[in-house]
C-alpha cells in the first residue's frame, strides 16, 4: 500500500475513534525525518494510549513496522515513528505547548479535520 493511502487510513481510523484536530502535514523537501506527520488531539491520557494502540495495529496489519515510540506511558504526547509516517498524539495542552503546527508551518497541509479539541 502506498504511503499516501496509509495516511488516509490513519486519518479515517483516528476520526472514527474520536480523535480531534487531525492534521496531515506533507514533510517532503522540509525534513528527512518522514514524508508525512499526522497530528491529532486525544481527550485524555487513556484516549491517547488507545489511539496509539489502534494506529499500531492498523499499520502492523499492513506490514509497516513501528520503528520507535515515545511517550506512551505518560500519554500526554505519544510519538510513533513508522519511517515515512510519524504520528503525534497529544492531549490538547501538550499540543498547544509544543506547537508543532507552527514549528512546521512551511509544510503543506494535506488534510485537516477540525472538530472540537
N, C-alpha and C. Protein backbone atom coordinates (compact mmCIF):
# COMPACT_ATOMS: atom_id res chain seq x y z
N UNK A 1 0.85 -1.18 0.00
CA UNK A 1 0.00 0.00 0.00
C UNK A 1 0.89 1.24 0.00
N UNK A 2 0.49 2.26 -0.74
CA UNK A 2 1.27 3.48 -0.82
C UNK A 2 1.15 4.29 0.46
N UNK A 3 2.16 5.11 0.71
CA UNK A 3 2.22 5.91 1.93
C UNK A 3 1.02 6.84 2.04
N UNK A 4 0.66 7.49 0.95
CA UNK A 4 -0.48 8.42 0.97
C UNK A 4 -1.76 7.68 1.36
N UNK A 5 -1.96 6.48 0.84
CA UNK A 5 -3.14 5.69 1.20
C UNK A 5 -3.12 5.32 2.69
N UNK A 6 -1.94 5.00 3.20
CA UNK A 6 -1.83 4.69 4.63
C UNK A 6 -2.19 5.89 5.48
N UNK A 7 -1.73 7.08 5.08
CA UNK A 7 -2.07 8.28 5.86
C UNK A 7 -3.58 8.49 5.87
N UNK A 8 -4.21 8.26 4.74
CA UNK A 8 -5.67 8.41 4.67
C UNK A 8 -6.37 7.40 5.57
N UNK A 9 -5.85 6.17 5.62
CA UNK A 9 -6.44 5.16 6.50
C UNK A 9 -6.25 5.54 7.97
N UNK A 10 -5.08 6.08 8.30
CA UNK A 10 -4.82 6.50 9.68
C UNK A 10 -5.80 7.61 10.07
N UNK A 11 -5.99 8.59 9.19
CA UNK A 11 -6.91 9.68 9.48
C UNK A 11 -8.33 9.15 9.69
N UNK A 12 -8.77 8.26 8.83
CA UNK A 12 -10.10 7.67 8.96
C UNK A 12 -10.24 6.95 10.30
N UNK A 13 -9.21 6.19 10.66
CA UNK A 13 -9.22 5.48 11.94
C UNK A 13 -9.28 6.46 13.11
N UNK A 14 -8.41 7.47 13.10
CA UNK A 14 -8.37 8.44 14.20
C UNK A 14 -9.71 9.16 14.34
N UNK A 15 -10.29 9.52 13.23
CA UNK A 15 -11.59 10.20 13.27
C UNK A 15 -12.66 9.27 13.83
N UNK A 16 -12.64 8.01 13.45
CA UNK A 16 -13.65 7.05 13.93
C UNK A 16 -13.49 6.76 15.42
N UNK A 17 -12.28 6.97 15.94
CA UNK A 17 -12.01 6.72 17.36
C UNK A 17 -12.02 8.02 18.17
N UNK A 18 -12.67 9.05 17.62
CA UNK A 18 -12.90 10.32 18.32
C UNK A 18 -11.66 11.19 18.47
N UNK A 19 -10.65 10.98 17.62
CA UNK A 19 -9.52 11.91 17.59
C UNK A 19 -10.00 13.25 17.05
N UNK A 20 -9.43 14.34 17.55
CA UNK A 20 -9.86 15.69 17.16
C UNK A 20 -8.68 16.48 16.61
N UNK A 21 -8.99 17.56 15.91
CA UNK A 21 -7.97 18.47 15.37
C UNK A 21 -6.91 17.69 14.58
N UNK A 22 -7.36 16.81 13.70
CA UNK A 22 -6.44 15.97 12.92
C UNK A 22 -5.85 16.79 11.78
N UNK A 23 -4.54 16.70 11.65
CA UNK A 23 -3.85 17.43 10.58
C UNK A 23 -2.78 16.53 9.99
N UNK A 24 -2.74 16.46 8.66
CA UNK A 24 -1.70 15.72 7.95
C UNK A 24 -0.80 16.74 7.26
N UNK A 25 0.49 16.71 7.61
CA UNK A 25 1.47 17.61 7.02
C UNK A 25 2.36 16.85 6.06
N UNK A 26 2.50 17.36 4.85
CA UNK A 26 3.41 16.78 3.87
C UNK A 26 4.79 17.36 4.14
N UNK A 27 5.71 16.53 4.59
CA UNK A 27 7.04 16.97 5.02
C UNK A 27 8.11 16.80 3.95
N UNK A 28 7.72 16.34 2.77
CA UNK A 28 8.69 16.12 1.69
C UNK A 28 9.38 17.43 1.35
N UNK A 29 10.71 17.38 1.31
CA UNK A 29 11.50 18.56 1.00
C UNK A 29 11.72 19.49 2.17
N UNK A 30 11.11 19.19 3.31
CA UNK A 30 11.26 20.04 4.50
C UNK A 30 12.16 19.38 5.53
N UNK A 31 12.00 18.08 5.70
CA UNK A 31 12.82 17.33 6.65
C UNK A 31 13.02 15.91 6.13
N UNK A 32 14.12 15.31 6.53
CA UNK A 32 14.39 13.92 6.15
C UNK A 32 13.78 12.95 7.16
N UNK A 33 13.14 13.47 8.20
CA UNK A 33 12.57 12.62 9.24
C UNK A 33 11.46 11.70 8.72
N UNK A 34 10.60 12.24 7.88
CA UNK A 34 9.45 11.47 7.38
C UNK A 34 8.83 12.21 6.21
N UNK A 35 8.00 11.50 5.44
CA UNK A 35 7.26 12.13 4.36
C UNK A 35 6.01 12.83 4.88
N UNK A 36 5.40 12.25 5.93
CA UNK A 36 4.17 12.81 6.49
C UNK A 36 4.23 12.82 8.01
N UNK A 37 3.71 13.90 8.59
CA UNK A 37 3.42 13.98 10.02
C UNK A 37 1.90 13.98 10.13
N UNK A 38 1.39 13.21 11.07
CA UNK A 38 -0.03 13.26 11.38
C UNK A 38 -0.14 13.70 12.83
N UNK A 39 -0.87 14.79 13.06
CA UNK A 39 -1.08 15.33 14.39
C UNK A 39 -2.54 15.15 14.77
N UNK A 40 -2.78 14.75 16.01
CA UNK A 40 -4.16 14.53 16.46
C UNK A 40 -4.26 14.80 17.96
N UNK A 41 -5.40 15.33 18.38
CA UNK A 41 -5.68 15.52 19.80
C UNK A 41 -6.52 14.37 20.32
N UNK A 42 -6.20 13.96 21.53
CA UNK A 42 -6.99 12.96 22.26
C UNK A 42 -7.63 13.66 23.45
N UNK A 43 -8.68 13.07 23.97
CA UNK A 43 -9.39 13.68 25.09
C UNK A 43 -8.64 13.63 26.41
N UNK A 44 -7.84 12.59 26.61
CA UNK A 44 -7.09 12.42 27.85
C UNK A 44 -5.98 11.38 27.60
N UNK A 45 -5.22 11.08 28.65
CA UNK A 45 -4.08 10.15 28.51
C UNK A 45 -4.52 8.76 28.04
N UNK A 46 -5.57 8.24 28.64
CA UNK A 46 -6.05 6.90 28.25
C UNK A 46 -6.49 6.88 26.79
N UNK A 47 -7.15 7.95 26.38
CA UNK A 47 -7.57 8.06 24.98
C UNK A 47 -6.35 8.10 24.06
N UNK A 48 -5.31 8.84 24.45
CA UNK A 48 -4.07 8.89 23.67
C UNK A 48 -3.50 7.49 23.49
N UNK A 49 -3.44 6.75 24.57
CA UNK A 49 -2.89 5.40 24.52
C UNK A 49 -3.74 4.49 23.64
N UNK A 50 -5.06 4.63 23.74
CA UNK A 50 -5.96 3.81 22.91
C UNK A 50 -5.78 4.15 21.43
N UNK A 51 -5.64 5.44 21.11
CA UNK A 51 -5.40 5.83 19.71
C UNK A 51 -4.08 5.25 19.21
N UNK A 52 -3.04 5.34 20.05
CA UNK A 52 -1.73 4.80 19.66
C UNK A 52 -1.83 3.29 19.40
N UNK A 53 -2.54 2.58 20.25
CA UNK A 53 -2.72 1.14 20.06
C UNK A 53 -3.41 0.84 18.73
N UNK A 54 -4.44 1.61 18.42
CA UNK A 54 -5.20 1.40 17.18
C UNK A 54 -4.34 1.70 15.95
N UNK A 55 -3.55 2.78 16.00
CA UNK A 55 -2.68 3.12 14.87
C UNK A 55 -1.64 2.03 14.67
N UNK A 56 -1.04 1.56 15.76
CA UNK A 56 -0.04 0.49 15.67
C UNK A 56 -0.65 -0.75 15.04
N UNK A 57 -1.84 -1.12 15.47
CA UNK A 57 -2.50 -2.31 14.92
C UNK A 57 -2.76 -2.14 13.43
N UNK A 58 -3.29 -0.98 13.03
CA UNK A 58 -3.58 -0.74 11.62
C UNK A 58 -2.32 -0.87 10.76
N UNK A 59 -1.24 -0.25 11.20
CA UNK A 59 -0.04 -0.26 10.37
C UNK A 59 0.66 -1.61 10.40
N UNK A 60 0.72 -2.26 11.55
CA UNK A 60 1.36 -3.58 11.57
C UNK A 60 0.55 -4.59 10.76
N UNK A 61 -0.79 -4.44 10.75
CA UNK A 61 -1.63 -5.29 9.90
C UNK A 61 -1.34 -5.05 8.41
N UNK A 62 -0.79 -3.87 8.09
CA UNK A 62 -0.40 -3.54 6.72
C UNK A 62 1.10 -3.69 6.50
N UNK A 63 1.74 -4.49 7.38
CA UNK A 63 3.17 -4.80 7.27
C UNK A 63 4.08 -3.58 7.35
N UNK A 64 3.67 -2.58 8.14
CA UNK A 64 4.50 -1.41 8.39
C UNK A 64 4.97 -1.51 9.83
N UNK A 65 6.28 -1.50 10.01
CA UNK A 65 6.88 -1.70 11.33
C UNK A 65 6.90 -0.39 12.13
N UNK A 66 6.56 -0.50 13.41
CA UNK A 66 6.74 0.62 14.34
C UNK A 66 8.21 0.66 14.71
N UNK A 67 8.91 1.67 14.23
CA UNK A 67 10.35 1.77 14.47
C UNK A 67 10.67 2.30 15.86
N UNK A 68 9.84 3.23 16.33
CA UNK A 68 10.11 3.88 17.60
C UNK A 68 8.81 4.46 18.13
N UNK A 69 8.66 4.39 19.45
CA UNK A 69 7.50 5.00 20.09
C UNK A 69 7.98 5.65 21.38
N UNK A 70 7.62 6.90 21.56
CA UNK A 70 7.99 7.64 22.78
C UNK A 70 6.74 8.22 23.42
N UNK A 71 6.73 8.27 24.74
CA UNK A 71 5.68 8.94 25.48
C UNK A 71 4.45 8.13 25.79
N UNK A 72 4.45 6.85 25.45
CA UNK A 72 3.24 6.04 25.63
C UNK A 72 2.82 5.98 27.10
N UNK A 73 3.77 5.74 27.98
CA UNK A 73 3.43 5.58 29.40
C UNK A 73 2.80 6.86 29.97
N UNK A 74 3.39 8.02 29.62
CA UNK A 74 2.86 9.29 30.12
C UNK A 74 1.53 9.63 29.44
N UNK A 75 1.45 9.37 28.14
CA UNK A 75 0.20 9.54 27.41
C UNK A 75 -0.19 10.96 27.05
N UNK A 76 0.67 11.94 27.34
CA UNK A 76 0.31 13.32 27.01
C UNK A 76 0.77 13.72 25.61
N UNK A 77 1.87 13.12 25.14
CA UNK A 77 2.34 13.29 23.76
C UNK A 77 2.99 11.97 23.37
N UNK A 78 2.33 11.23 22.54
CA UNK A 78 2.87 9.96 22.06
C UNK A 78 3.36 10.17 20.63
N UNK A 79 4.62 9.86 20.41
CA UNK A 79 5.22 9.95 19.08
C UNK A 79 5.43 8.54 18.57
N UNK A 80 4.88 8.25 17.41
CA UNK A 80 5.04 6.94 16.78
C UNK A 80 5.74 7.12 15.44
N UNK A 81 6.90 6.48 15.29
CA UNK A 81 7.69 6.59 14.07
C UNK A 81 7.54 5.32 13.26
N UNK A 82 6.88 5.45 12.11
CA UNK A 82 6.70 4.33 11.20
C UNK A 82 7.56 4.50 9.94
N UNK A 83 8.62 5.28 10.05
CA UNK A 83 9.50 5.51 8.91
C UNK A 83 9.04 6.70 8.10
N UNK A 84 8.25 6.47 7.09
CA UNK A 84 7.77 7.55 6.22
C UNK A 84 6.63 8.35 6.84
N UNK A 85 6.04 7.80 7.89
CA UNK A 85 4.93 8.46 8.58
C UNK A 85 5.26 8.55 10.07
N UNK A 86 5.13 9.75 10.62
CA UNK A 86 5.27 9.94 12.07
C UNK A 86 3.94 10.45 12.59
N UNK A 87 3.41 9.77 13.60
CA UNK A 87 2.13 10.14 14.20
C UNK A 87 2.41 10.78 15.56
N UNK A 88 1.81 11.95 15.78
CA UNK A 88 1.91 12.68 17.05
C UNK A 88 0.52 12.71 17.67
N UNK A 89 0.36 12.07 18.82
CA UNK A 89 -0.92 12.03 19.51
C UNK A 89 -0.77 12.85 20.79
N UNK A 90 -1.57 13.89 20.91
CA UNK A 90 -1.44 14.83 22.03
C UNK A 90 -2.71 14.91 22.85
N UNK A 91 -2.56 15.26 24.14
CA UNK A 91 -3.67 15.87 24.85
C UNK A 91 -3.59 17.35 24.46
N UNK A 92 -4.70 18.08 24.43
CA UNK A 92 -4.70 19.45 23.89
C UNK A 92 -3.66 20.39 24.50
N UNK A 93 -3.44 20.30 25.81
CA UNK A 93 -2.49 21.21 26.46
C UNK A 93 -1.08 21.01 25.92
N UNK A 94 -0.69 19.77 25.68
CA UNK A 94 0.66 19.49 25.16
C UNK A 94 0.79 19.96 23.71
N UNK A 95 -0.24 19.78 22.94
CA UNK A 95 -0.17 20.24 21.55
C UNK A 95 -0.02 21.76 21.49
N UNK A 96 -0.76 22.44 22.34
CA UNK A 96 -0.64 23.90 22.41
C UNK A 96 0.75 24.30 22.87
N UNK A 97 1.27 23.63 23.88
CA UNK A 97 2.58 23.98 24.44
C UNK A 97 3.70 23.78 23.42
N UNK A 98 3.75 22.63 22.78
CA UNK A 98 4.84 22.32 21.85
C UNK A 98 4.63 22.93 20.46
N UNK A 99 3.39 23.20 20.10
CA UNK A 99 3.02 23.95 18.90
C UNK A 99 3.73 23.49 17.62
N UNK A 100 3.69 22.18 17.36
CA UNK A 100 4.29 21.67 16.13
C UNK A 100 3.59 22.21 14.89
N UNK A 101 2.33 22.60 15.04
CA UNK A 101 1.60 23.16 13.90
C UNK A 101 2.31 24.40 13.37
N UNK A 102 2.81 25.24 14.27
CA UNK A 102 3.54 26.44 13.86
C UNK A 102 4.98 26.11 13.51
N UNK A 103 5.61 25.24 14.30
CA UNK A 103 7.01 24.89 14.06
C UNK A 103 7.21 24.36 12.63
N UNK A 104 6.27 23.57 12.17
CA UNK A 104 6.35 23.00 10.83
C UNK A 104 5.38 23.72 9.89
N UNK A 105 5.22 25.00 10.09
CA UNK A 105 4.28 25.81 9.32
C UNK A 105 4.56 25.88 7.83
N UNK A 106 5.79 25.56 7.42
CA UNK A 106 6.13 25.57 5.99
C UNK A 106 5.60 24.33 5.26
N UNK A 107 5.19 23.34 6.02
CA UNK A 107 4.70 22.09 5.41
C UNK A 107 3.33 22.31 4.77
N UNK A 108 3.11 21.62 3.68
CA UNK A 108 1.81 21.66 3.02
C UNK A 108 0.82 20.83 3.84
N UNK A 109 -0.34 21.41 4.13
CA UNK A 109 -1.38 20.68 4.85
C UNK A 109 -2.13 19.83 3.83
N UNK A 110 -1.98 18.52 3.96
CA UNK A 110 -2.64 17.58 3.04
C UNK A 110 -4.10 17.38 3.41
N UNK A 111 -4.36 17.36 4.71
CA UNK A 111 -5.72 17.12 5.19
C UNK A 111 -5.84 17.72 6.57
N UNK A 112 -7.01 18.29 6.86
CA UNK A 112 -7.25 18.87 8.17
C UNK A 112 -8.71 18.64 8.54
N UNK A 113 -8.91 18.06 9.72
CA UNK A 113 -10.25 17.82 10.24
C UNK A 113 -10.29 18.46 11.60
N UNK A 114 -11.07 19.52 11.73
CA UNK A 114 -11.05 20.30 12.96
C UNK A 114 -11.75 19.58 14.09
N UNK A 115 -13.04 19.71 14.18
CA UNK A 115 -13.74 19.12 15.31
C UNK A 115 -13.37 19.84 16.59
N UNK A 116 -14.01 19.49 17.68
CA UNK A 116 -13.71 20.09 18.97
C UNK A 116 -12.36 19.59 19.45
N UNK A 117 -11.76 20.34 20.36
CA UNK A 117 -10.47 19.92 20.88
C UNK A 117 -10.64 18.71 21.75
